[in-house]
Amino acid sequence: MQLDDLINSMTPEIYQRLVTAVELGKWPDGVTLTAEQKENALQMVMLWQARNNAEADHMTINTRGEIEMKSKQELKQRFAGDIITPLEPATTLKPIATLKPQD
C-alpha cells in the first residue's frame, strides 16, 4: 500500500485514535507505544492534518502543510460564545459513605 492510499483510507475515527495515542503515549487498551510506534503515529497524524484539516486548532498542520498557530485574540474570539457551567463548591457536596469506628 502506498502512503497516499494509507492516508486516504484513514477515517476521522482512526485519526482521532492516533492523536490520542500520541498524546497519552499508549493505545486505547493501555499498552504503551514503542518509540517507533509513537514516531510513525505522529507522522500519520501530521500527514492526515496536512490533507484534511481545514479548521486547524491553535497549533497544528494546515492543509498547505504549514504549522499554523493562532493568536490569543483568535482563540478568545473562537471560544467567546462557549458557555461554561460553574462547579458547585466542595462544601456543598455530601459524603458518599460514613465510616463507623471499630470497638
PDB file of N, CA and C in Angstrom:
ATOM      1  N   MET A   1       0.850  -1.179   0.000  1.00  0.00           N
ATOM      2  CA  MET A   1       0.000   0.000   0.000  1.00  0.00           C
ATOM      3  C   MET A   1       0.891   1.236   0.000  1.00  0.00           C
ATOM      4  N   GLN A   2       0.563   2.171  -0.850  1.00  0.00           N
ATOM      5  CA  GLN A   2       1.303   3.425  -0.944  1.00  0.00           C
ATOM      6  C   GLN A   2       0.861   4.373   0.176  1.00  0.00           C
ATOM      7  N   LEU A   3       1.728   5.332   0.502  1.00  0.00           N
ATOM      8  CA  LEU A   3       1.436   6.292   1.564  1.00  0.00           C
ATOM      9  C   LEU A   3       0.156   7.065   1.269  1.00  0.00           C
ATOM     10  N   ASP A   4      -0.038   7.496   0.025  1.00  0.00           N
ATOM     11  CA  ASP A   4      -1.258   8.230  -0.338  1.00  0.00           C
ATOM     12  C   ASP A   4      -2.502   7.392  -0.072  1.00  0.00           C
ATOM     13  N   ASP A   5      -2.447   6.119  -0.422  1.00  0.00           N
ATOM     14  CA  ASP A   5      -3.585   5.228  -0.192  1.00  0.00           C
ATOM     15  C   ASP A   5      -3.860   5.073   1.301  1.00  0.00           C
ATOM     16  N   LEU A   6      -2.796   4.973   2.072  1.00  0.00           N
ATOM     17  CA  LEU A   6      -2.935   4.820   3.516  1.00  0.00           C
ATOM     18  C   LEU A   6      -3.594   6.049   4.135  1.00  0.00           C
ATOM     19  N   ILE A   7      -3.128   7.234   3.776  1.00  0.00           N
ATOM     20  CA  ILE A   7      -3.704   8.477   4.305  1.00  0.00           C
ATOM     21  C   ILE A   7      -5.159   8.614   3.868  1.00  0.00           C
ATOM     22  N   ASN A   8      -5.441   8.331   2.609  1.00  0.00           N
ATOM     23  CA  ASN A   8      -6.811   8.452   2.096  1.00  0.00           C
ATOM     24  C   ASN A   8      -7.766   7.456   2.734  1.00  0.00           C
ATOM     25  N   SER A   9      -7.256   6.328   3.202  1.00  0.00           N
ATOM     26  CA  SER A   9      -8.128   5.326   3.817  1.00  0.00           C
ATOM     27  C   SER A   9      -8.377   5.588   5.300  1.00  0.00           C
ATOM     28  N   MET A  10      -7.656   6.555   5.884  1.00  0.00           N
ATOM     29  CA  MET A  10      -7.843   6.867   7.304  1.00  0.00           C
ATOM     30  C   MET A  10      -9.159   7.600   7.519  1.00  0.00           C
ATOM     31  N   THR A  11      -9.980   7.074   8.414  1.00  0.00           N
ATOM     32  CA  THR A  11     -11.228   7.743   8.785  1.00  0.00           C
ATOM     33  C   THR A  11     -10.927   8.756   9.888  1.00  0.00           C
ATOM     34  N   PRO A  12     -11.834   9.704  10.137  1.00  0.00           N
ATOM     35  CA  PRO A  12     -11.633  10.623  11.264  1.00  0.00           C
ATOM     36  C   PRO A  12     -11.498   9.885  12.603  1.00  0.00           C
ATOM     37  N   GLU A  13     -12.171   8.747  12.737  1.00  0.00           N
ATOM     38  CA  GLU A  13     -12.078   7.966  13.976  1.00  0.00           C
ATOM     39  C   GLU A  13     -10.672   7.388  14.158  1.00  0.00           C
ATOM     40  N   ILE A  14     -10.092   6.863  13.083  1.00  0.00           N
ATOM     41  CA  ILE A  14      -8.723   6.336  13.155  1.00  0.00           C
ATOM     42  C   ILE A  14      -7.752   7.468  13.459  1.00  0.00           C
ATOM     43  N   TYR A  15      -7.945   8.607  12.794  1.00  0.00           N
ATOM     44  CA  TYR A  15      -7.102   9.782  13.046  1.00  0.00           C
ATOM     45  C   TYR A  15      -7.157  10.155  14.529  1.00  0.00           C
ATOM     46  N   GLN A  16      -8.362  10.220  15.097  1.00  0.00           N
ATOM     47  CA  GLN A  16      -8.509  10.623  16.497  1.00  0.00           C
ATOM     48  C   GLN A  16      -7.854   9.612  17.437  1.00  0.00           C
ATOM     49  N   ARG A  17      -7.943   8.328  17.121  1.00  0.00           N
ATOM     50  CA  ARG A  17      -7.291   7.304  17.948  1.00  0.00           C
ATOM     51  C   ARG A  17      -5.767   7.479  17.918  1.00  0.00           C
ATOM     52  N   LEU A  18      -5.235   7.809  16.748  1.00  0.00           N
ATOM     53  CA  LEU A  18      -3.792   8.045  16.644  1.00  0.00           C
ATOM     54  C   LEU A  18      -3.383   9.291  17.426  1.00  0.00           C
ATOM     55  N   VAL A  19      -4.191  10.352  17.338  1.00  0.00           N
ATOM     56  CA  VAL A  19      -3.910  11.579  18.097  1.00  0.00           C
ATOM     57  C   VAL A  19      -3.866  11.267  19.587  1.00  0.00           C
ATOM     58  N   THR A  20      -4.875  10.554  20.072  1.00  0.00           N
ATOM     59  CA  THR A  20      -4.938  10.205  21.492  1.00  0.00           C
ATOM     60  C   THR A  20      -3.752   9.331  21.891  1.00  0.00           C
ATOM     61  N   ALA A  21      -3.397   8.377  21.050  1.00  0.00           N
ATOM     62  CA  ALA A  21      -2.258   7.502  21.350  1.00  0.00           C
ATOM     63  C   ALA A  21      -0.964   8.304  21.453  1.00  0.00           C
ATOM     64  N   VAL A  22      -0.765   9.253  20.545  1.00  0.00           N
ATOM     65  CA  VAL A  22       0.444  10.075  20.580  1.00  0.00           C
ATOM     66  C   VAL A  22       0.438  10.967  21.820  1.00  0.00           C
ATOM     67  N   GLU A  23      -0.715  11.554  22.152  1.00  0.00           N
ATOM     68  CA  GLU A  23      -0.800  12.443  23.315  1.00  0.00           C
ATOM     69  C   GLU A  23      -0.548  11.699  24.619  1.00  0.00           C
ATOM     70  N   LEU A  24      -1.139  10.501  24.765  1.00  0.00           N
ATOM     71  CA  LEU A  24      -1.037   9.750  26.018  1.00  0.00           C
ATOM     72  C   LEU A  24       0.152   8.796  26.068  1.00  0.00           C
ATOM     73  N   GLY A  25       0.686   8.451  24.890  1.00  0.00           N
ATOM     74  CA  GLY A  25       1.795   7.513  24.845  1.00  0.00           C
ATOM     75  C   GLY A  25       1.374   6.066  24.998  1.00  0.00           C
ATOM     76  N   LYS A  26       0.065   5.804  24.839  1.00  0.00           N
ATOM     77  CA  LYS A  26      -0.411   4.423  24.919  1.00  0.00           C
ATOM     78  C   LYS A  26      -1.643   4.237  24.051  1.00  0.00           C
ATOM     79  N   TRP A  27      -1.881   2.989  23.676  1.00  0.00           N
ATOM     80  CA  TRP A  27      -3.039   2.634  22.863  1.00  0.00           C
ATOM     81  C   TRP A  27      -4.288   2.614  23.734  1.00  0.00           C
ATOM     82  N   PRO A  28      -5.480   2.609  23.133  1.00  0.00           N
ATOM     83  CA  PRO A  28      -6.712   2.593  23.931  1.00  0.00           C
ATOM     84  C   PRO A  28      -6.791   1.430  24.931  1.00  0.00           C
ATOM     85  N   ASP A  29      -6.126   0.303  24.636  1.00  0.00           N
ATOM     86  CA  ASP A  29      -6.147  -0.830  25.571  1.00  0.00           C
ATOM     87  C   ASP A  29      -5.116  -0.696  26.690  1.00  0.00           C
ATOM     88  N   GLY A  30      -4.383   0.431  26.724  1.00  0.00           N
ATOM     89  CA  GLY A  30      -3.434   0.694  27.796  1.00  0.00           C
ATOM     90  C   GLY A  30      -2.002   0.284  27.512  1.00  0.00           C
ATOM     91  N   VAL A  31      -1.760  -0.387  26.403  1.00  0.00           N
ATOM     92  CA  VAL A  31      -0.402  -0.816  26.051  1.00  0.00           C
ATOM     93  C   VAL A  31       0.416   0.400  25.612  1.00  0.00           C
ATOM     94  N   THR A  32       1.602   0.542  26.185  1.00  0.00           N
ATOM     95  CA  THR A  32       2.479   1.674  25.880  1.00  0.00           C
ATOM     96  C   THR A  32       3.002   1.593  24.449  1.00  0.00           C
ATOM     97  N   LEU A  33       3.026   2.744  23.773  1.00  0.00           N
ATOM     98  CA  LEU A  33       3.588   2.806  22.425  1.00  0.00           C
ATOM     99  C   LEU A  33       5.103   2.657  22.495  1.00  0.00           C
ATOM    100  N   THR A  34       5.661   1.942  21.544  1.00  0.00           N
ATOM    101  CA  THR A  34       7.118   1.912  21.424  1.00  0.00           C
ATOM    102  C   THR A  34       7.547   3.240  20.801  1.00  0.00           C
ATOM    103  N   ALA A  35       8.829   3.531  20.861  1.00  0.00           N
ATOM    104  CA  ALA A  35       9.333   4.768  20.252  1.00  0.00           C
ATOM    105  C   ALA A  35       9.019   4.797  18.757  1.00  0.00           C
ATOM    106  N   GLU A  36       9.151   3.650  18.101  1.00  0.00           N
ATOM    107  CA  GLU A  36       8.871   3.576  16.666  1.00  0.00           C
ATOM    108  C   GLU A  36       7.380   3.793  16.378  1.00  0.00           C
ATOM    109  N   GLN A  37       6.508   3.205  17.204  1.00  0.00           N
ATOM    110  CA  GLN A  37       5.071   3.394  17.016  1.00  0.00           C
ATOM    111  C   GLN A  37       4.681   4.854  17.215  1.00  0.00           C
ATOM    112  N   LYS A  38       5.264   5.485  18.239  1.00  0.00           N
ATOM    113  CA  LYS A  38       4.948   6.888  18.502  1.00  0.00           C
ATOM    114  C   LYS A  38       5.391   7.767  17.338  1.00  0.00           C
ATOM    115  N   GLU A  39       6.581   7.516  16.827  1.00  0.00           N
ATOM    116  CA  GLU A  39       7.093   8.288  15.691  1.00  0.00           C
ATOM    117  C   GLU A  39       6.208   8.099  14.459  1.00  0.00           C
ATOM    118  N   ASN A  40       5.855   6.852  14.162  1.00  0.00           N
ATOM    119  CA  ASN A  40       5.013   6.571  12.996  1.00  0.00           C
ATOM    120  C   ASN A  40       3.613   7.156  13.153  1.00  0.00           C
ATOM    121  N   ALA A  41       3.037   7.030  14.351  1.00  0.00           N
ATOM    122  CA  ALA A  41       1.699   7.568  14.589  1.00  0.00           C
ATOM    123  C   ALA A  41       1.700   9.087  14.445  1.00  0.00           C
ATOM    124  N   LEU A  42       2.733   9.748  14.972  1.00  0.00           N
ATOM    125  CA  LEU A  42       2.829  11.204  14.856  1.00  0.00           C
ATOM    126  C   LEU A  42       2.952  11.633  13.399  1.00  0.00           C
ATOM    127  N   GLN A  43       3.732  10.897  12.626  1.00  0.00           N
ATOM    128  CA  GLN A  43       3.859  11.213  11.200  1.00  0.00           C
ATOM    129  C   GLN A  43       2.516  11.054  10.489  1.00  0.00           C
ATOM    130  N   MET A  44       1.773  10.006  10.811  1.00  0.00           N
ATOM    131  CA  MET A  44       0.464   9.784  10.191  1.00  0.00           C
ATOM    132  C   MET A  44      -0.505  10.910  10.563  1.00  0.00           C
ATOM    133  N   VAL A  45      -0.468  11.340  11.827  1.00  0.00           N
ATOM    134  CA  VAL A  45      -1.330  12.440  12.274  1.00  0.00           C
ATOM    135  C   VAL A  45      -1.004  13.707  11.493  1.00  0.00           C
ATOM    136  N   MET A  46       0.273  14.019  11.363  1.00  0.00           N
ATOM    137  CA  MET A  46       0.672  15.237  10.657  1.00  0.00           C
ATOM    138  C   MET A  46       0.314  15.175   9.175  1.00  0.00           C
ATOM    139  N   LEU A  47       0.497  14.017   8.556  1.00  0.00           N
ATOM    140  CA  LEU A  47       0.126  13.869   7.140  1.00  0.00           C
ATOM    141  C   LEU A  47      -1.381  13.989   6.950  1.00  0.00           C
ATOM    142  N   TRP A  48      -2.150  13.383   7.842  1.00  0.00           N
ATOM    143  CA  TRP A  48      -3.613  13.468   7.742  1.00  0.00           C
ATOM    144  C   TRP A  48      -4.063  14.921   7.908  1.00  0.00           C
ATOM    145  N   GLN A  49      -3.481  15.621   8.903  1.00  0.00           N
ATOM    146  CA  GLN A  49      -3.831  17.026   9.122  1.00  0.00           C
ATOM    147  C   GLN A  49      -3.504  17.862   7.897  1.00  0.00           C
ATOM    148  N   ALA A  50      -2.368  17.611   7.283  1.00  0.00           N
ATOM    149  CA  ALA A  50      -1.943  18.400   6.130  1.00  0.00           C
ATOM    150  C   ALA A  50      -2.917  18.267   4.965  1.00  0.00           C
ATOM    151  N   ARG A  51      -3.635  17.170   4.900  1.00  0.00           N
ATOM    152  CA  ARG A  51      -4.570  16.962   3.783  1.00  0.00           C
ATOM    153  C   ARG A  51      -6.026  17.224   4.136  1.00  0.00           C
ATOM    154  N   ASN A  52      -6.374  17.144   5.400  1.00  0.00           N
ATOM    155  CA  ASN A  52      -7.788  17.184   5.775  1.00  0.00           C
ATOM    156  C   ASN A  52      -8.172  18.249   6.785  1.00  0.00           C
ATOM    157  N   ASN A  53      -7.228  18.941   7.358  1.00  0.00           N
ATOM    158  CA  ASN A  53      -7.511  19.821   8.482  1.00  0.00           C
ATOM    159  C   ASN A  53      -7.768  21.257   8.027  1.00  0.00           C
ATOM    160  N   ALA A  54      -8.988  21.525   7.560  1.00  0.00           N
ATOM    161  CA  ALA A  54      -9.328  22.871   7.093  1.00  0.00           C
ATOM    162  C   ALA A  54      -9.464  23.850   8.256  1.00  0.00           C
ATOM    163  N   GLU A  55      -9.956  23.393   9.404  1.00  0.00           N
ATOM    164  CA  GLU A  55     -10.119  24.250  10.581  1.00  0.00           C
ATOM    165  C   GLU A  55      -9.078  23.840  11.618  1.00  0.00           C
ATOM    166  N   ALA A  56      -7.887  24.388  11.481  1.00  0.00           N
ATOM    167  CA  ALA A  56      -6.777  23.991  12.343  1.00  0.00           C
ATOM    168  C   ALA A  56      -6.985  24.462  13.776  1.00  0.00           C
ATOM    169  N   ASP A  57      -6.503  23.666  14.739  1.00  0.00           N
ATOM    170  CA  ASP A  57      -6.529  24.054  16.143  1.00  0.00           C
ATOM    171  C   ASP A  57      -5.497  25.150  16.375  1.00  0.00           C
ATOM    172  N   HIS A  58      -5.240  25.477  17.636  1.00  0.00           N
ATOM    173  CA  HIS A  58      -4.336  26.593  17.919  1.00  0.00           C
ATOM    174  C   HIS A  58      -2.917  26.355  17.414  1.00  0.00           C
ATOM    175  N   MET A  59      -2.488  25.106  17.333  1.00  0.00           N
ATOM    176  CA  MET A  59      -1.177  24.818  16.753  1.00  0.00           C
ATOM    177  C   MET A  59      -1.247  23.449  16.100  1.00  0.00           C
ATOM    178  N   THR A  60      -1.199  23.434  14.786  1.00  0.00           N
ATOM    179  CA  THR A  60      -1.330  22.188  14.042  1.00  0.00           C
ATOM    180  C   THR A  60      -0.795  22.377  12.632  1.00  0.00           C
ATOM    181  N   ILE A  61      -0.906  21.358  11.830  1.00  0.00           N
ATOM    182  CA  ILE A  61      -0.501  21.427  10.428  1.00  0.00           C
ATOM    183  C   ILE A  61      -1.744  21.750   9.602  1.00  0.00           C
ATOM    184  N   ASN A  62      -1.706  22.818   8.801  1.00  0.00           N
ATOM    185  CA  ASN A  62      -2.866  23.159   7.973  1.00  0.00           C
ATOM    186  C   ASN A  62      -2.806  22.414   6.643  1.00  0.00           C
ATOM    187  N   THR A  63      -3.791  22.641   5.785  1.00  0.00           N
ATOM    188  CA  THR A  63      -3.877  21.906   4.521  1.00  0.00           C
ATOM    189  C   THR A  63      -2.798  22.312   3.520  1.00  0.00           C
ATOM    190  N   ARG A  64      -2.054  23.364   3.792  1.00  0.00           N
ATOM    191  CA  ARG A  64      -0.932  23.752   2.935  1.00  0.00           C
ATOM    192  C   ARG A  64       0.373  23.110   3.408  1.00  0.00           C
ATOM    193  N   GLY A  65       0.286  22.283   4.479  1.00  0.00           N
ATOM    194  CA  GLY A  65       1.468  21.613   5.007  1.00  0.00           C
ATOM    195  C   GLY A  65       2.309  22.488   5.909  1.00  0.00           C
ATOM    196  N   GLU A  66       1.757  23.609   6.376  1.00  0.00           N
ATOM    197  CA  GLU A  66       2.493  24.543   7.223  1.00  0.00           C
ATOM    198  C   GLU A  66       1.984  24.444   8.654  1.00  0.00           C
ATOM    199  N   ILE A  67       2.872  24.724   9.617  1.00  0.00           N
ATOM    200  CA  ILE A  67       2.439  24.783  11.011  1.00  0.00           C
ATOM    201  C   ILE A  67       1.647  26.066  11.193  1.00  0.00           C
ATOM    202  N   GLU A  68       0.453  25.936  11.739  1.00  0.00           N
ATOM    203  CA  GLU A  68      -0.413  27.091  11.951  1.00  0.00           C
ATOM    204  C   GLU A  68      -0.606  27.306  13.444  1.00  0.00           C
ATOM    205  N   MET A  69      -0.340  28.519  13.879  1.00  0.00           N
ATOM    206  CA  MET A  69      -0.535  28.878  15.281  1.00  0.00           C
ATOM    207  C   MET A  69      -1.491  30.057  15.339  1.00  0.00           C
ATOM    208  N   LYS A  70      -2.523  29.933  16.152  1.00  0.00           N
ATOM    209  CA  LYS A  70      -3.483  31.020  16.316  1.00  0.00           C
ATOM    210  C   LYS A  70      -3.066  31.885  17.499  1.00  0.00           C
ATOM    211  N   SER A  71      -3.336  33.176  17.385  1.00  0.00           N
ATOM    212  CA  SER A  71      -3.004  34.107  18.460  1.00  0.00           C
ATOM    213  C   SER A  71      -4.017  33.959  19.594  1.00  0.00           C
ATOM    214  N   LYS A  72      -3.689  34.539  20.748  1.00  0.00           N
ATOM    215  CA  LYS A  72      -4.620  34.517  21.874  1.00  0.00           C
ATOM    216  C   LYS A  72      -5.931  35.191  21.500  1.00  0.00           C
ATOM    217  N   GLN A  73      -5.841  36.280  20.746  1.00  0.00           N
ATOM    218  CA  GLN A  73      -7.040  37.009  20.333  1.00  0.00           C
ATOM    219  C   GLN A  73      -7.944  36.129  19.472  1.00  0.00           C
ATOM    220  N   GLU A  74      -7.358  35.396  18.528  1.00  0.00           N
ATOM    221  CA  GLU A  74      -8.147  34.499  17.677  1.00  0.00           C
ATOM    222  C   GLU A  74      -8.811  33.405  18.506  1.00  0.00           C
ATOM    223  N   LEU A  75      -8.084  32.862  19.480  1.00  0.00           N
ATOM    224  CA  LEU A  75      -8.654  31.819  20.331  1.00  0.00           C
ATOM    225  C   LEU A  75      -9.776  32.367  21.203  1.00  0.00           C
ATOM    226  N   LYS A  76      -9.592  33.588  21.733  1.00  0.00           N
ATOM    227  CA  LYS A  76     -10.651  34.206  22.537  1.00  0.00           C
ATOM    228  C   LYS A  76     -11.911  34.403  21.714  1.00  0.00           C
ATOM    229  N   GLN A  77     -11.758  34.858  20.480  1.00  0.00           N
ATOM    230  CA  GLN A  77     -12.915  35.046  19.605  1.00  0.00           C
ATOM    231  C   GLN A  77     -13.585  33.719  19.289  1.00  0.00           C
ATOM    232  N   ARG A  78     -12.776  32.700  19.059  1.00  0.00           N
ATOM    233  CA  ARG A  78     -13.331  31.382  18.717  1.00  0.00           C
ATOM    234  C   ARG A  78     -14.160  30.809  19.856  1.00  0.00           C
ATOM    235  N   PHE A  79     -13.703  30.994  21.102  1.00  0.00           N
ATOM    236  CA  PHE A  79     -14.378  30.399  22.247  1.00  0.00           C
ATOM    237  C   PHE A  79     -15.256  31.391  23.008  1.00  0.00           C
ATOM    238  N   ALA A  80     -15.464  32.583  22.479  1.00  0.00           N
ATOM    239  CA  ALA A  80     -16.232  33.614  23.178  1.00  0.00           C
ATOM    240  C   ALA A  80     -17.663  33.184  23.459  1.00  0.00           C
ATOM    241  N   GLY A  81     -18.279  32.440  22.572  1.00  0.00           N
ATOM    242  CA  GLY A  81     -19.672  32.046  22.753  1.00  0.00           C
ATOM    243  C   GLY A  81     -19.871  30.795  23.578  1.00  0.00           C
ATOM    244  N   ASP A  82     -18.795  30.136  23.985  1.00  0.00           N
ATOM    245  CA  ASP A  82     -18.931  28.903  24.759  1.00  0.00           C
ATOM    246  C   ASP A  82     -19.471  29.197  26.152  1.00  0.00           C
ATOM    247  N   ILE A  83     -20.377  28.358  26.589  1.00  0.00           N
ATOM    248  CA  ILE A  83     -20.960  28.505  27.916  1.00  0.00           C
ATOM    249  C   ILE A  83     -20.217  27.575  28.868  1.00  0.00           C
ATOM    250  N   ILE A  84     -19.761  28.136  29.972  1.00  0.00           N
ATOM    251  CA  ILE A  84     -19.056  27.351  30.976  1.00  0.00           C
ATOM    252  C   ILE A  84     -19.955  27.245  32.200  1.00  0.00           C
ATOM    253  N   THR A  85     -20.232  26.027  32.607  1.00  0.00           N
ATOM    254  CA  THR A  85     -21.064  25.791  33.777  1.00  0.00           C
ATOM    255  C   THR A  85     -20.171  25.758  35.009  1.00  0.00           C
ATOM    256  N   PRO A  86     -20.452  26.640  35.985  1.00  0.00           N
ATOM    257  CA  PRO A  86     -19.617  26.640  37.185  1.00  0.00           C
ATOM    258  C   PRO A  86     -19.854  25.377  38.017  1.00  0.00           C
ATOM    259  N   LEU A  87     -18.809  24.912  38.672  1.00  0.00           N
ATOM    260  CA  LEU A  87     -18.915  23.755  39.551  1.00  0.00           C
ATOM    261  C   LEU A  87     -19.420  24.188  40.911  1.00  0.00           C
ATOM    262  N   GLU A  88     -20.072  23.257  41.605  1.00  0.00           N
ATOM    263  CA  GLU A  88     -20.518  23.552  42.962  1.00  0.00           C
ATOM    264  C   GLU A  88     -19.311  23.599  43.891  1.00  0.00           C
ATOM    265  N   PRO A  89     -19.358  24.479  44.887  1.00  0.00           N
ATOM    266  CA  PRO A  89     -18.255  24.499  45.855  1.00  0.00           C
ATOM    267  C   PRO A  89     -18.180  23.157  46.585  1.00  0.00           C
ATOM    268  N   ALA A  90     -16.995  22.764  46.964  1.00  0.00           N
ATOM    269  CA  ALA A  90     -16.790  21.469  47.619  1.00  0.00           C
ATOM    270  C   ALA A  90     -17.535  21.367  48.941  1.00  0.00           C
ATOM    271  N   THR A  91     -17.849  22.489  49.584  1.00  0.00           N
ATOM    272  CA  THR A  91     -18.521  22.452  50.886  1.00  0.00           C
ATOM    273  C   THR A  91     -19.967  21.975  50.776  1.00  0.00           C
ATOM    274  N   THR A  92     -20.576  22.023  49.596  1.00  0.00           N
ATOM    275  CA  THR A  92     -21.968  21.596  49.459  1.00  0.00           C
ATOM    276  C   THR A  92     -22.102  20.127  49.068  1.00  0.00           C
ATOM    277  N   LEU A  93     -20.993  19.444  48.856  1.00  0.00           N
ATOM    278  CA  LEU A  93     -21.053  18.039  48.484  1.00  0.00           C
ATOM    279  C   LEU A  93     -21.340  17.175  49.703  1.00  0.00           C
ATOM    280  N   LYS A  94     -22.141  16.144  49.500  1.00  0.00           N
ATOM    281  CA  LYS A  94     -22.465  15.232  50.588  1.00  0.00           C
ATOM    282  C   LYS A  94     -21.556  14.011  50.489  1.00  0.00           C
ATOM    283  N   PRO A  95     -21.174  13.435  51.634  1.00  0.00           N
ATOM    284  CA  PRO A  95     -20.315  12.256  51.591  1.00  0.00           C
ATOM    285  C   PRO A  95     -21.049  11.062  50.985  1.00  0.00           C
ATOM    286  N   ILE A  96     -20.309  10.199  50.310  1.00  0.00           N
ATOM    287  CA  ILE A  96     -20.932   9.014  49.722  1.00  0.00           C
ATOM    288  C   ILE A  96     -20.960   7.851  50.708  1.00  0.00           C
ATOM    289  N   ALA A  97     -20.168   7.938  51.778  1.00  0.00           N
ATOM    290  CA  ALA A  97     -20.152   6.888  52.796  1.00  0.00           C
ATOM    291  C   ALA A  97     -19.649   7.476  54.103  1.00  0.00           C
ATOM    292  N   THR A  98     -20.079   6.872  55.213  1.00  0.00           N
ATOM    293  CA  THR A  98     -19.609   7.278  56.528  1.00  0.00           C
ATOM    294  C   THR A  98     -19.040   6.046  57.215  1.00  0.00           C
ATOM    295  N   LEU A  99     -17.833   6.138  57.699  1.00  0.00           N
ATOM    296  CA  LEU A  99     -17.193   5.016  58.376  1.00  0.00           C
ATOM    297  C   LEU A  99     -17.499   5.063  59.859  1.00  0.00           C
ATOM    298  N   LYS A 100     -17.804   3.890  60.428  1.00  0.00           N
ATOM    299  CA  LYS A 100     -18.044   3.792  61.868  1.00  0.00           C
ATOM    300  C   LYS A 100     -16.763   3.322  62.539  1.00  0.00           C
ATOM    301  N   PRO A 101     -16.439   3.880  63.705  1.00  0.00           N
ATOM    302  CA  PRO A 101     -15.230   3.425  64.401  1.00  0.00           C
ATOM    303  C   PRO A 101     -15.401   1.985  64.887  1.00  0.00           C
ATOM    304  N   GLN A 102     -14.319   1.232  64.877  1.00  0.00           N
ATOM    305  CA  GLN A 102     -14.364  -0.146  65.375  1.00  0.00           C
ATOM    306  C   GLN A 102     -14.262  -0.138  66.885  1.00  0.00           C
ATOM    307  N   ASP A 103     -15.016  -1.039  67.531  1.00  0.00           N
ATOM    308  CA  ASP A 103     -14.976  -1.136  69.004  1.00  0.00           C
ATOM    309  C   ASP A 103     -13.938  -2.101  69.466  1.00  0.00           C
TER     310      ASP A 103
END
